[in-house]
Amino acid sequence: MTHQPIPKFATEEEEASWWDAHPEVLAERFQTASQQGKLRRLSQTGLPGASETVTIRIAPEELTRARKLAAKRGLRYQTYLKMLLHEALDADEKRLVS
């Protein structure tokens, strides 16, 4: 199947405008990938930045606190917890290097 070519863009604004004007291109490519069995969750791709699923036990009151604080920031609680973990790891790493 031949797809409509995607042009090179000079700016993100130009690219966003093009995609807004051509939603059929994305839909067509998505359908083709689906038919070819090429759709994967990011965590299944093995790409840098892909996440692994981890199970941890969290006290209900801590989870409630995380959900409330995440909501105040406009985040999903999982995203908020990952952000906290990342910040804590960075801080601990800096402290250990010093």
PDB file of N, CA and C in Angstrom:
ATOM      1  N   MET A   1       0.840  -1.174   0.000  1.00  0.00           N
ATOM      2  CA  MET A   1       0.000   0.000   0.000  1.00  0.00           C
ATOM      3  C   MET A   1       0.885   1.237   0.000  1.00  0.00           C
ATOM      4  N   THR A   2       0.603   2.192  -0.880  1.00  0.00           N
ATOM      5  CA  THR A   2       1.371   3.422  -0.975  1.00  0.00           C
ATOM      6  C   THR A   2       0.722   4.484  -0.105  1.00  0.00           C
ATOM      7  N   HIS A   3       1.539   5.093   0.738  1.00  0.00           N
ATOM      8  CA  HIS A   3       1.041   6.126   1.637  1.00  0.00           C
ATOM      9  C   HIS A   3       1.366   7.494   1.095  1.00  0.00           C
ATOM     10  N   GLN A   4       0.526   8.465   1.470  1.00  0.00           N
ATOM     11  CA  GLN A   4       0.809   9.859   1.149  1.00  0.00           C
ATOM     12  C   GLN A   4       2.112  10.236   1.849  1.00  0.00           C
ATOM     13  N   PRO A   5       3.044  10.839   1.143  1.00  0.00           N
ATOM     14  CA  PRO A   5       4.317  11.202   1.788  1.00  0.00           C
ATOM     15  C   PRO A   5       4.122  12.280   2.850  1.00  0.00           C
ATOM     16  N   ILE A   6       4.915  12.188   3.891  1.00  0.00           N
ATOM     17  CA  ILE A   6       4.904  13.197   4.943  1.00  0.00           C
ATOM     18  C   ILE A   6       6.052  14.157   4.642  1.00  0.00           C
ATOM     19  N   PRO A   7       5.743  15.439   4.469  1.00  0.00           N
ATOM     20  CA  PRO A   7       6.797  16.388   4.113  1.00  0.00           C
ATOM     21  C   PRO A   7       7.749  16.656   5.273  1.00  0.00           C
ATOM     22  N   LYS A   8       8.883  17.266   4.955  1.00  0.00           N
ATOM     23  CA  LYS A   8       9.814  17.742   5.981  1.00  0.00           C
ATOM     24  C   LYS A   8       9.273  19.090   6.479  1.00  0.00           C
ATOM     25  N   PHE A   9       9.410  19.326   7.773  1.00  0.00           N
ATOM     26  CA  PHE A   9       8.858  20.541   8.359  1.00  0.00           C
ATOM     27  C   PHE A   9       9.980  21.419   8.906  1.00  0.00           C
ATOM     28  N   ALA A  10       9.793  22.721   8.755  1.00  0.00           N
ATOM     29  CA  ALA A  10      10.786  23.669   9.254  1.00  0.00           C
ATOM     30  C   ALA A  10      10.591  23.941  10.743  1.00  0.00           C
ATOM     31  N   THR A  11       9.337  23.855  11.208  1.00  0.00           N
ATOM     32  CA  THR A  11       9.041  24.155  12.613  1.00  0.00           C
ATOM     33  C   THR A  11       8.006  23.163  13.137  1.00  0.00           C
ATOM     34  N   GLU A  12       7.914  23.075  14.460  1.00  0.00           N
ATOM     35  CA  GLU A  12       6.880  22.235  15.069  1.00  0.00           C
ATOM     36  C   GLU A  12       5.496  22.778  14.747  1.00  0.00           C
ATOM     37  N   GLU A  13       5.359  24.084  14.684  1.00  0.00           N
ATOM     38  CA  GLU A  13       4.072  24.702  14.353  1.00  0.00           C
ATOM     39  C   GLU A  13       3.616  24.286  12.959  1.00  0.00           C
ATOM     40  N   GLU A  14       4.541  24.300  12.027  1.00  0.00           N
ATOM     41  CA  GLU A  14       4.235  23.881  10.655  1.00  0.00           C
ATOM     42  C   GLU A  14       3.804  22.413  10.633  1.00  0.00           C
ATOM     43  N   GLU A  15       4.518  21.577  11.382  1.00  0.00           N
ATOM     44  CA  GLU A  15       4.175  20.156  11.441  1.00  0.00           C
ATOM     45  C   GLU A  15       2.798  19.951  12.066  1.00  0.00           C
ATOM     46  N   ALA A  16       2.528  20.645  13.174  1.00  0.00           N
ATOM     47  CA  ALA A  16       1.229  20.518  13.842  1.00  0.00           C
ATOM     48  C   ALA A  16       0.099  20.934  12.907  1.00  0.00           C
ATOM     49  N   SER A  17       0.305  22.010  12.161  1.00  0.00           N
ATOM     50  CA  SER A  17      -0.721  22.473  11.214  1.00  0.00           C
ATOM     51  C   SER A  17      -0.973  21.436  10.128  1.00  0.00           C
ATOM     52  N   TRP A  18       0.119  20.833   9.640  1.00  0.00           N
ATOM     53  CA  TRP A  18      -0.032  19.826   8.582  1.00  0.00           C
ATOM     54  C   TRP A  18      -0.817  18.617   9.090  1.00  0.00           C
ATOM     55  N   TRP A  19      -0.451  18.118  10.294  1.00  0.00           N
ATOM     56  CA  TRP A  19      -1.160  16.953  10.836  1.00  0.00           C
ATOM     57  C   TRP A  19      -2.621  17.281  11.117  1.00  0.00           C
ATOM     58  N   ASP A  20      -2.907  18.500  11.592  1.00  0.00           N
ATOM     59  CA  ASP A  20      -4.300  18.902  11.818  1.00  0.00           C
ATOM     60  C   ASP A  20      -5.089  18.905  10.515  1.00  0.00           C
ATOM     61  N   ALA A  21      -4.436  19.266   9.424  1.00  0.00           N
ATOM     62  CA  ALA A  21      -5.096  19.329   8.121  1.00  0.00           C
ATOM     63  C   ALA A  21      -5.173  17.965   7.431  1.00  0.00           C
ATOM     64  N   HIS A  22      -4.416  16.961   7.915  1.00  0.00           N
ATOM     65  CA  HIS A  22      -4.360  15.654   7.254  1.00  0.00           C
ATOM     66  C   HIS A  22      -4.557  14.495   8.233  1.00  0.00           C
ATOM     67  N   PRO A  23      -5.650  14.474   8.991  1.00  0.00           N
ATOM     68  CA  PRO A  23      -5.850  13.382   9.955  1.00  0.00           C
ATOM     69  C   PRO A  23      -6.004  12.026   9.273  1.00  0.00           C
ATOM     70  N   GLU A  24      -6.400  12.032   8.017  1.00  0.00           N
ATOM     71  CA  GLU A  24      -6.574  10.774   7.287  1.00  0.00           C
ATOM     72  C   GLU A  24      -5.253  10.028   7.091  1.00  0.00           C
ATOM     73  N   VAL A  25      -4.152  10.762   7.036  1.00  0.00           N
ATOM     74  CA  VAL A  25      -2.842  10.138   6.855  1.00  0.00           C
ATOM     75  C   VAL A  25      -2.515   9.280   8.079  1.00  0.00           C
ATOM     76  N   LEU A  26      -2.726   9.843   9.252  1.00  0.00           N
ATOM     77  CA  LEU A  26      -2.458   9.094  10.480  1.00  0.00           C
ATOM     78  C   LEU A  26      -3.401   7.898  10.592  1.00  0.00           C
ATOM     79  N   ALA A  27      -4.679   8.105  10.285  1.00  0.00           N
ATOM     80  CA  ALA A  27      -5.647   7.013  10.365  1.00  0.00           C
ATOM     81  C   ALA A  27      -5.289   5.886   9.397  1.00  0.00           C
ATOM     82  N   GLU A  28      -4.874   6.242   8.194  1.00  0.00           N
ATOM     83  CA  GLU A  28      -4.483   5.255   7.191  1.00  0.00           C
ATOM     84  C   GLU A  28      -3.265   4.452   7.640  1.00  0.00           C
ATOM     85  N   ARG A  29      -2.275   5.143   8.158  1.00  0.00           N
ATOM     86  CA  ARG A  29      -1.060   4.458   8.614  1.00  0.00           C
ATOM     87  C   ARG A  29      -1.337   3.586   9.836  1.00  0.00           C
ATOM     88  N   PHE A  30      -2.196   4.049  10.709  1.00  0.00           N
ATOM     89  CA  PHE A  30      -2.575   3.257  11.875  1.00  0.00           C
ATOM     90  C   PHE A  30      -3.291   1.985  11.433  1.00  0.00           C
ATOM     91  N   GLN A  31      -4.215   2.115  10.497  1.00  0.00           N
ATOM     92  CA  GLN A  31      -4.961   0.955  10.002  1.00  0.00           C
ATOM     93  C   GLN A  31      -4.020  -0.048   9.331  1.00  0.00           C
ATOM     94  N   THR A  32      -3.095   0.421   8.541  1.00  0.00           N
ATOM     95  CA  THR A  32      -2.133  -0.448   7.877  1.00  0.00           C
ATOM     96  C   THR A  32      -1.278  -1.186   8.910  1.00  0.00           C
ATOM     97  N   ALA A  33      -0.780  -0.459   9.899  1.00  0.00           N
ATOM     98  CA  ALA A  33       0.034  -1.084  10.950  1.00  0.00           C
ATOM     99  C   ALA A  33      -0.774  -2.119  11.711  1.00  0.00           C
ATOM    100  N   SER A  34      -2.033  -1.820  11.969  1.00  0.00           N
ATOM    101  CA  SER A  34      -2.902  -2.766  12.677  1.00  0.00           C
ATOM    102  C   SER A  34      -3.089  -4.042  11.856  1.00  0.00           C
ATOM    103  N   GLN A  35      -3.348  -3.888  10.579  1.00  0.00           N
ATOM    104  CA  GLN A  35      -3.545  -5.045   9.703  1.00  0.00           C
ATOM    105  C   GLN A  35      -2.282  -5.890   9.585  1.00  0.00           C
ATOM    106  N   GLN A  36      -1.136  -5.261   9.684  1.00  0.00           N
ATOM    107  CA  GLN A  36       0.141  -5.974   9.582  1.00  0.00           C
ATOM    108  C   GLN A  36       0.626  -6.495  10.933  1.00  0.00           C
ATOM    109  N   GLY A  37      -0.151  -6.260  11.992  1.00  0.00           N
ATOM    110  CA  GLY A  37       0.227  -6.720  13.320  1.00  0.00           C
ATOM    111  C   GLY A  37       1.428  -5.980  13.895  1.00  0.00           C
ATOM    112  N   LYS A  38       1.610  -4.748  13.497  1.00  0.00           N
ATOM    113  CA  LYS A  38       2.778  -3.985  13.931  1.00  0.00           C
ATOM    114  C   LYS A  38       2.492  -3.023  15.086  1.00  0.00           C
ATOM    115  N   LEU A  39       1.270  -3.001  15.598  1.00  0.00           N
ATOM    116  CA  LEU A  39       0.968  -2.118  16.716  1.00  0.00           C
ATOM    117  C   LEU A  39       1.437  -2.756  18.003  1.00  0.00           C
ATOM    118  N   ARG A  40       2.129  -1.989  18.814  1.00  0.00           N
ATOM    119  CA  ARG A  40       2.645  -2.463  20.094  1.00  0.00           C
ATOM    120  C   ARG A  40       2.500  -1.358  21.116  1.00  0.00           C
ATOM    121  N   ARG A  41       2.405  -1.739  22.374  1.00  0.00           N
ATOM    122  CA  ARG A  41       2.491  -0.761  23.448  1.00  0.00           C
ATOM    123  C   ARG A  41       3.944  -0.336  23.526  1.00  0.00           C
ATOM    124  N   LEU A  42       4.186   0.899  23.940  1.00  0.00           N
ATOM    125  CA  LEU A  42       5.562   1.388  24.007  1.00  0.00           C
ATOM    126  C   LEU A  42       6.418   0.472  24.864  1.00  0.00           C
ATOM    127  N   SER A  43       5.852  -0.055  25.946  1.00  0.00           N
ATOM    128  CA  SER A  43       6.631  -0.921  26.827  1.00  0.00           C
ATOM    129  C   SER A  43       7.014  -2.236  26.146  1.00  0.00           C
ATOM    130  N   GLN A  44       6.366  -2.585  25.040  1.00  0.00           N
ATOM    131  CA  GLN A  44       6.681  -3.818  24.326  1.00  0.00           C
ATOM    132  C   GLN A  44       7.709  -3.611  23.227  1.00  0.00           C
ATOM    133  N   THR A  45       8.065  -2.371  22.958  1.00  0.00           N
ATOM    134  CA  THR A  45       8.944  -2.102  21.825  1.00  0.00           C
ATOM    135  C   THR A  45      10.409  -2.280  22.150  1.00  0.00           C
ATOM    136  N   GLY A  46      10.768  -2.127  23.414  1.00  0.00           N
ATOM    137  CA  GLY A  46      12.178  -2.182  23.789  1.00  0.00           C
ATOM    138  C   GLY A  46      12.921  -0.914  23.412  1.00  0.00           C
ATOM    139  N   LEU A  47      12.207   0.131  23.024  1.00  0.00           N
ATOM    140  CA  LEU A  47      12.833   1.396  22.659  1.00  0.00           C
ATOM    141  C   LEU A  47      13.303   2.129  23.901  1.00  0.00           C
ATOM    142  N   PRO A  48      14.332   2.956  23.765  1.00  0.00           N
ATOM    143  CA  PRO A  48      14.730   3.780  24.909  1.00  0.00           C
ATOM    144  C   PRO A  48      13.542   4.632  25.354  1.00  0.00           C
ATOM    145  N   GLY A  49      13.344   4.735  26.643  1.00  0.00           N
ATOM    146  CA  GLY A  49      12.223   5.505  27.152  1.00  0.00           C
ATOM    147  C   GLY A  49      10.985   4.669  27.397  1.00  0.00           C
ATOM    148  N   ALA A  50      10.993   3.441  26.895  1.00  0.00           N
ATOM    149  CA  ALA A  50       9.854   2.567  27.128  1.00  0.00           C
ATOM    150  C   ALA A  50       9.846   2.169  28.606  1.00  0.00           C
ATOM    151  N   SER A  51       8.668   2.010  29.147  1.00  0.00           N
ATOM    152  CA  SER A  51       8.540   1.682  30.561  1.00  0.00           C
ATOM    153  C   SER A  51       8.325   0.197  30.765  1.00  0.00           C
ATOM    154  N   GLU A  52       8.789  -0.285  31.903  1.00  0.00           N
ATOM    155  CA  GLU A  52       8.489  -1.645  32.329  1.00  0.00           C
ATOM    156  C   GLU A  52       7.379  -1.571  33.351  1.00  0.00           C
ATOM    157  N   THR A  53       6.562  -2.598  33.393  1.00  0.00           N
ATOM    158  CA  THR A  53       5.521  -2.674  34.403  1.00  0.00           C
ATOM    159  C   THR A  53       6.114  -3.264  35.669  1.00  0.00           C
ATOM    160  N   VAL A  54       5.873  -2.577  36.788  1.00  0.00           N
ATOM    161  CA  VAL A  54       6.376  -3.002  38.087  1.00  0.00           C
ATOM    162  C   VAL A  54       5.209  -2.993  39.063  1.00  0.00           C
ATOM    163  N   THR A  55       5.148  -3.990  39.909  1.00  0.00           N
ATOM    164  CA  THR A  55       4.108  -4.035  40.929  1.00  0.00           C
ATOM    165  C   THR A  55       4.731  -3.770  42.289  1.00  0.00           C
ATOM    166  N   ILE A  56       4.175  -2.790  42.995  1.00  0.00           N
ATOM    167  CA  ILE A  56       4.623  -2.498  44.352  1.00  0.00           C
ATOM    168  C   ILE A  56       3.395  -2.351  45.245  1.00  0.00           C
ATOM    169  N   ARG A  57       3.589  -2.620  46.509  1.00  0.00           N
ATOM    170  CA  ARG A  57       2.505  -2.441  47.475  1.00  0.00           C
ATOM    171  C   ARG A  57       2.641  -1.065  48.100  1.00  0.00           C
ATOM    172  N   ILE A  58       1.521  -0.324  48.120  1.00  0.00           N
ATOM    173  CA  ILE A  58       1.490   1.014  48.698  1.00  0.00           C
ATOM    174  C   ILE A  58       0.313   1.058  49.669  1.00  0.00           C
ATOM    175  N   ALA A  59       0.565   1.586  50.850  1.00  0.00           N
ATOM    176  CA  ALA A  59      -0.501   1.711  51.840  1.00  0.00           C
ATOM    177  C   ALA A  59      -1.643   2.545  51.260  1.00  0.00           C
ATOM    178  N   PRO A  60      -2.878   2.163  51.530  1.00  0.00           N
ATOM    179  CA  PRO A  60      -4.031   2.888  50.964  1.00  0.00           C
ATOM    180  C   PRO A  60      -4.005   4.389  51.243  1.00  0.00           C
ATOM    181  N   GLU A  61      -3.582   4.782  52.453  1.00  0.00           N
ATOM    182  CA  GLU A  61      -3.565   6.209  52.775  1.00  0.00           C
ATOM    183  C   GLU A  61      -2.501   6.951  51.956  1.00  0.00           C
ATOM    184  N   GLU A  62      -1.394   6.271  51.651  1.00  0.00           N
ATOM    185  CA  GLU A  62      -0.358   6.892  50.813  1.00  0.00           C
ATOM    186  C   GLU A  62      -0.852   7.032  49.375  1.00  0.00           C
ATOM    187  N   LEU A  63      -1.560   6.040  48.899  1.00  0.00           N
ATOM    188  CA  LEU A  63      -2.101   6.095  47.543  1.00  0.00           C
ATOM    189  C   LEU A  63      -3.151   7.199  47.439  1.00  0.00           C
ATOM    190  N   THR A  64      -3.960   7.348  48.461  1.00  0.00           N
ATOM    191  CA  THR A  64      -4.956   8.419  48.490  1.00  0.00           C
ATOM    192  C   THR A  64      -4.273   9.782  48.442  1.00  0.00           C
ATOM    193  N   ARG A  65      -3.203   9.940  49.231  1.00  0.00           N
ATOM    194  CA  ARG A  65      -2.443  11.192  49.208  1.00  0.00           C
ATOM    195  C   ARG A  65      -1.867  11.454  47.822  1.00  0.00           C
ATOM    196  N   ALA A  66      -1.298  10.421  47.214  1.00  0.00           N
ATOM    197  CA  ALA A  66      -0.707  10.576  45.880  1.00  0.00           C
ATOM    198  C   ALA A  66      -1.771  10.978  44.864  1.00  0.00           C
ATOM    199  N   ARG A  67      -2.927  10.361  44.935  1.00  0.00           N
ATOM    200  CA  ARG A  67      -4.004  10.698  43.980  1.00  0.00           C
ATOM    201  C   ARG A  67      -4.441  12.150  44.143  1.00  0.00           C
ATOM    202  N   LYS A  68      -4.587  12.604  45.402  1.00  0.00           N
ATOM    203  CA  LYS A  68      -5.013  13.985  45.648  1.00  0.00           C
ATOM    204  C   LYS A  68      -3.963  14.983  45.164  1.00  0.00           C
ATOM    205  N   LEU A  69      -2.703  14.723  45.490  1.00  0.00           N
ATOM    206  CA  LEU A  69      -1.639  15.634  45.065  1.00  0.00           C
ATOM    207  C   LEU A  69      -1.476  15.642  43.547  1.00  0.00           C
ATOM    208  N   ALA A  70      -1.605  14.480  42.928  1.00  0.00           N
ATOM    209  CA  ALA A  70      -1.514  14.409  41.464  1.00  0.00           C
ATOM    210  C   ALA A  70      -2.638  15.212  40.824  1.00  0.00           C
ATOM    211  N   ALA A  71      -3.839  15.066  41.368  1.00  0.00           N
ATOM    212  CA  ALA A  71      -4.985  15.799  40.817  1.00  0.00           C
ATOM    213  C   ALA A  71      -4.767  17.305  40.912  1.00  0.00           C
ATOM    214  N   LYS A  72      -4.173  17.766  42.004  1.00  0.00           N
ATOM    215  CA  LYS A  72      -3.899  19.197  42.150  1.00  0.00           C
ATOM    216  C   LYS A  72      -2.915  19.695  41.105  1.00  0.00           C
ATOM    217  N   ARG A  73      -2.065  18.798  40.622  1.00  0.00           N
ATOM    218  CA  ARG A  73      -1.095  19.150  39.582  1.00  0.00           C
ATOM    219  C   ARG A  73      -1.623  18.866  38.179  1.00  0.00           C
ATOM    220  N   GLY A  74      -2.813  18.281  38.099  1.00  0.00           N
ATOM    221  CA  GLY A  74      -3.387  17.945  36.801  1.00  0.00           C
ATOM    222  C   GLY A  74      -2.739  16.722  36.173  1.00  0.00           C
ATOM    223  N   LEU A  75      -2.230  15.815  37.019  1.00  0.00           N
ATOM    224  CA  LEU A  75      -1.546  14.613  36.541  1.00  0.00           C
ATOM    225  C   LEU A  75      -2.305  13.358  36.944  1.00  0.00           C
ATOM    226  N   ARG A  76      -2.061  12.280  36.225  1.00  0.00           N
ATOM    227  CA  ARG A  76      -2.525  10.970  36.678  1.00  0.00           C
ATOM    228  C   ARG A  76      -1.607  10.556  37.816  1.00  0.00           C
ATOM    229  N   TYR A  77      -2.148   9.798  38.768  1.00  0.00           N
ATOM    230  CA  TYR A  77      -1.332   9.475  39.939  1.00  0.00           C
ATOM    231  C   TYR A  77      -0.129   8.615  39.588  1.00  0.00           C
ATOM    232  N   GLN A  78      -0.236   7.751  38.573  1.00  0.00           N
ATOM    233  CA  GLN A  78       0.923   6.942  38.187  1.00  0.00           C
ATOM    234  C   GLN A  78       2.048   7.834  37.664  1.00  0.00           C
ATOM    235  N   THR A  79       1.686   8.821  36.879  1.00  0.00           N
ATOM    236  CA  THR A  79       2.665   9.766  36.350  1.00  0.00           C
ATOM    237  C   THR A  79       3.317  10.535  37.485  1.00  0.00           C
ATOM    238  N   TYR A  80       2.493  10.958  38.437  1.00  0.00           N
ATOM    239  CA  TYR A  80       3.001  11.689  39.587  1.00  0.00           C
ATOM    240  C   TYR A  80       3.979  10.833  40.395  1.00  0.00           C
ATOM    241  N   LEU A  81       3.635   9.568  40.635  1.00  0.00           N
ATOM    242  CA  LEU A  81       4.524   8.685  41.389  1.00  0.00           C
ATOM    243  C   LEU A  81       5.834   8.448  40.642  1.00  0.00           C
ATOM    244  N   LYS A  82       5.769   8.299  39.325  1.00  0.00           N
ATOM    245  CA  LYS A  82       7.006   8.136  38.547  1.00  0.00           C
ATOM    246  C   LYS A  82       7.866   9.382  38.632  1.00  0.00           C
ATOM    247  N   MET A  83       7.222  10.557  38.617  1.00  0.00           N
ATOM    248  CA  MET A  83       7.955  11.809  38.733  1.00  0.00           C
ATOM    249  C   MET A  83       8.658  11.884  40.094  1.00  0.00           C
ATOM    250  N   LEU A  84       7.938  11.540  41.166  1.00  0.00           N
ATOM    251  CA  LEU A  84       8.539  11.548  42.502  1.00  0.00           C
ATOM    252  C   LEU A  84       9.705  10.576  42.601  1.00  0.00           C
ATOM    253  N   LEU A  85       9.537   9.395  42.035  1.00  0.00           N
ATOM    254  CA  LEU A  85      10.606   8.401  42.073  1.00  0.00           C
ATOM    255  C   LEU A  85      11.839   8.915  41.343  1.00  0.00           C
ATOM    256  N   HIS A  86      11.623   9.498  40.174  1.00  0.00           N
ATOM    257  CA  HIS A  86      12.728  10.041  39.386  1.00  0.00           C
ATOM    258  C   HIS A  86      13.472  11.134  40.170  1.00  0.00           C
ATOM    259  N   GLU A  87      12.709  12.051  40.777  1.00  0.00           N
ATOM    260  CA  GLU A  87      13.326  13.133  41.550  1.00  0.00           C
ATOM    261  C   GLU A  87      14.104  12.584  42.746  1.00  0.00           C
ATOM    262  N   ALA A  88      13.536  11.600  43.438  1.00  0.00           N
ATOM    263  CA  ALA A  88      14.211  11.027  44.603  1.00  0.00           C
ATOM    264  C   ALA A  88      15.487  10.296  44.194  1.00  0.00           C
ATOM    265  N   LEU A  89      15.440   9.567  43.089  1.00  0.00           N
ATOM    266  CA  LEU A  89      16.634   8.865  42.614  1.00  0.00           C
ATOM    267  C   LEU A  89      17.732   9.845  42.230  1.00  0.00           C
ATOM    268  N   ASP A  90      17.356  10.919  41.531  1.00  0.00           N
ATOM    269  CA  ASP A  90      18.347  11.942  41.163  1.00  0.00           C
ATOM    270  C   ASP A  90      18.985  12.561  42.398  1.00  0.00           C
ATOM    271  N   ALA A  91      18.153  12.907  43.377  1.00  0.00           N
ATOM    272  CA  ALA A  91      18.667  13.532  44.600  1.00  0.00           C
ATOM    273  C   ALA A  91      19.586  12.583  45.357  1.00  0.00           C
ATOM    274  N   ASP A  92      19.210  11.318  45.463  1.00  0.00           N
ATOM    275  CA  ASP A  92      20.030  10.353  46.189  1.00  0.00           C
ATOM    276  C   ASP A  92      21.347  10.109  45.461  1.00  0.00           C
ATOM    277  N   GLU A  93      21.283  10.043  44.151  1.00  0.00           N
ATOM    278  CA  GLU A  93      22.493   9.834  43.359  1.00  0.00           C
ATOM    279  C   GLU A  93      23.461  11.006  43.544  1.00  0.00           C
ATOM    280  N   LYS A  94      22.948  12.237  43.518  1.00  0.00           N
ATOM    281  CA  LYS A  94      23.795  13.421  43.710  1.00  0.00           C
ATOM    282  C   LYS A  94      24.401  13.410  45.111  1.00  0.00           C
ATOM    283  N   ARG A  95      23.613  13.030  46.099  1.00  0.00           N
ATOM    284  CA  ARG A  95      24.088  13.005  47.479  1.00  0.00           C
ATOM    285  C   ARG A  95      25.193  11.977  47.642  1.00  0.00           C
ATOM    286  N   LEU A  96      25.062  10.841  47.004  1.00  0.00           N
ATOM    287  CA  LEU A  96      26.075   9.780  47.126  1.00  0.00           C
ATOM    288  C   LEU A  96      27.361  10.111  46.385  1.00  0.00           C
ATOM    289  N   VAL A  97      27.281  10.879  45.331  1.00  0.00           N
ATOM    290  CA  VAL A  97      28.454  11.260  44.549  1.00  0.00           C
ATOM    291  C   VAL A  97      29.259  12.337  45.285  1.00  0.00           C
ATOM    292  N   SER A  98      28.563  13.185  46.021  1.00  0.00           N
ATOM    293  CA  SER A  98      29.241  14.290  46.748  1.00  0.00           C
ATOM    294  C   SER A  98      30.124  13.796  47.859  1.00  0.00           C
TER     295      SER A  98
END
